[in-house]
Amino acid sequence: MRRSHTATKKAVLSVLQATSKAMSQGSIEKKKDVDIKRATIYRVLNWFYEDGILYRIVGDNGGQCFALCLDCARSS
């Protein structure tokens, strides 16, 4: 599904592009440069994951981190 590009999505993607590490929602929230609510960040991260832009890593404690997929292609 094609999604629109919003300032929120661009801000989250910019934070992820600026690092080479997986990041939690909390880490992304601290580094963003626009006002975005926590639930919106999670929603954007999940959209990016569904669209094949991010990897989602779930830790033993259930915490999630997200990393930019640099060379991926997911088949739908």
C-alpha atoms as a PDB file:
ATOM      1  CA  MET A   1       0.000   0.000   0.000  1.00  0.00           C
ATOM      2  CA  ARG A   2       1.304   3.440  -0.894  1.00  0.00           C
ATOM      3  CA  ARG A   3       1.318   5.834   2.038  1.00  0.00           C
ATOM      4  CA  SER A   4       1.683   9.593   1.993  1.00  0.00           C
ATOM      5  CA  HIS A   5       4.913  11.234   3.106  1.00  0.00           C
ATOM      6  CA  THR A   6       4.294  13.397   6.144  1.00  0.00           C
ATOM      7  CA  ALA A   7       6.565  15.536   8.291  1.00  0.00           C
ATOM      8  CA  THR A   8       6.163  12.972  11.076  1.00  0.00           C
ATOM      9  CA  LYS A   9       7.315  10.075   8.896  1.00  0.00           C
ATOM     10  CA  LYS A  10      10.203  12.128   7.540  1.00  0.00           C
ATOM     11  CA  ALA A  11      11.301  13.030  11.084  1.00  0.00           C
ATOM     12  CA  VAL A  12      11.274   9.398  12.261  1.00  0.00           C
ATOM     13  CA  LEU A  13      13.069   8.219   9.129  1.00  0.00           C
ATOM     14  CA  SER A  14      15.663  10.978   9.516  1.00  0.00           C
ATOM     15  CA  VAL A  15      16.494   9.824  13.058  1.00  0.00           C
ATOM     16  CA  LEU A  16      16.891   6.227  11.876  1.00  0.00           C
ATOM     17  CA  GLN A  17      19.034   7.259   8.891  1.00  0.00           C
ATOM     18  CA  ALA A  18      21.384   9.190  11.177  1.00  0.00           C
ATOM     19  CA  THR A  19      22.431   6.054  13.091  1.00  0.00           C
ATOM     20  CA  SER A  20      23.788   2.629  12.227  1.00  0.00           C
ATOM     21  CA  LYS A  21      22.176   1.000  15.274  1.00  0.00           C
ATOM     22  CA  ALA A  22      18.746  -0.367  16.077  1.00  0.00           C
ATOM     23  CA  MET A  23      16.757   2.100  18.150  1.00  0.00           C
ATOM     24  CA  SER A  24      13.856   1.825  20.545  1.00  0.00           C
ATOM     25  CA  GLN A  25      10.830   4.059  20.277  1.00  0.00           C
ATOM     26  CA  GLY A  26      12.078   5.924  23.346  1.00  0.00           C
ATOM     27  CA  SER A  27      15.470   6.603  21.773  1.00  0.00           C
ATOM     28  CA  ILE A  28      13.805   7.864  18.606  1.00  0.00           C
ATOM     29  CA  GLU A  29      11.489  10.068  20.665  1.00  0.00           C
ATOM     30  CA  LYS A  30      14.495  11.721  22.373  1.00  0.00           C
ATOM     31  CA  LYS A  31      16.309  12.444  19.092  1.00  0.00           C
ATOM     32  CA  LYS A  32      13.449  13.724  16.931  1.00  0.00           C
ATOM     33  CA  ASP A  33      13.291  17.388  16.022  1.00  0.00           C
ATOM     34  CA  VAL A  34       9.503  17.778  15.776  1.00  0.00           C
ATOM     35  CA  ASP A  35       6.709  17.277  18.317  1.00  0.00           C
ATOM     36  CA  ILE A  36       5.370  13.741  17.856  1.00  0.00           C
ATOM     37  CA  LYS A  37       3.334  11.743  20.353  1.00  0.00           C
ATOM     38  CA  ARG A  38       4.586   8.318  21.457  1.00  0.00           C
ATOM     39  CA  ALA A  39       1.653   6.440  19.874  1.00  0.00           C
ATOM     40  CA  THR A  40       2.276   8.182  16.551  1.00  0.00           C
ATOM     41  CA  ILE A  41       5.934   7.141  16.585  1.00  0.00           C
ATOM     42  CA  TYR A  42       4.904   3.520  17.198  1.00  0.00           C
ATOM     43  CA  ARG A  43       2.350   3.729  14.388  1.00  0.00           C
ATOM     44  CA  VAL A  44       4.940   5.129  11.959  1.00  0.00           C
ATOM     45  CA  LEU A  45       7.486   2.476  12.975  1.00  0.00           C
ATOM     46  CA  ASN A  46       4.923  -0.271  12.408  1.00  0.00           C
ATOM     47  CA  TRP A  47       3.984   1.152   8.993  1.00  0.00           C
ATOM     48  CA  PHE A  48       7.660   1.264   8.018  1.00  0.00           C
ATOM     49  CA  TYR A  49       8.050  -2.339   9.203  1.00  0.00           C
ATOM     50  CA  GLU A  50       4.985  -3.468   7.231  1.00  0.00           C
ATOM     51  CA  ASP A  51       6.309  -1.670   4.140  1.00  0.00           C
ATOM     52  CA  GLY A  52       9.713  -3.404   4.426  1.00  0.00           C
ATOM     53  CA  ILE A  53      11.669  -0.266   5.344  1.00  0.00           C
ATOM     54  CA  LEU A  54      12.627  -1.411   8.861  1.00  0.00           C
ATOM     55  CA  TYR A  55      13.628  -4.515  10.728  1.00  0.00           C
ATOM     56  CA  ARG A  56      11.858  -5.068  14.045  1.00  0.00           C
ATOM     57  CA  ILE A  57      13.890  -6.734  16.798  1.00  0.00           C
ATOM     58  CA  VAL A  58      12.000  -8.003  19.833  1.00  0.00           C
ATOM     59  CA  GLY A  59      14.099  -8.555  22.964  1.00  0.00           C
ATOM     60  CA  ASP A  60      13.640 -11.237  25.603  1.00  0.00           C
ATOM     61  CA  ASN A  61      11.864  -8.657  27.775  1.00  0.00           C
ATOM     62  CA  GLY A  62       9.385  -7.870  24.973  1.00  0.00           C
ATOM     63  CA  GLY A  63      10.951  -4.501  24.171  1.00  0.00           C
ATOM     64  CA  GLN A  64      11.170  -3.599  20.509  1.00  0.00           C
ATOM     65  CA  CYS A  65      13.947  -1.924  18.563  1.00  0.00           C
ATOM     66  CA  PHE A  66      13.867  -0.897  14.945  1.00  0.00           C
ATOM     67  CA  ALA A  67      16.678  -0.704  12.400  1.00  0.00           C
ATOM     68  CA  LEU A  68      16.671   0.712   8.910  1.00  0.00           C
ATOM     69  CA  CYS A  69      16.801  -1.931   6.204  1.00  0.00           C
ATOM     70  CA  LEU A  70      19.490  -0.759   3.806  1.00  0.00           C
ATOM     71  CA  ASP A  71      19.323  -3.499   1.172  1.00  0.00           C
ATOM     72  CA  CYS A  72      16.034  -5.373   1.559  1.00  0.00           C
ATOM     73  CA  ALA A  73      13.204  -6.368  -0.667  1.00  0.00           C
ATOM     74  CA  ARG A  74      10.137  -7.989   0.828  1.00  0.00           C
ATOM     75  CA  SER A  75       7.685  -9.801  -1.317  1.00  0.00           C
ATOM     76  CA  SER A  76       4.077  -9.057  -0.540  1.00  0.00           C
END
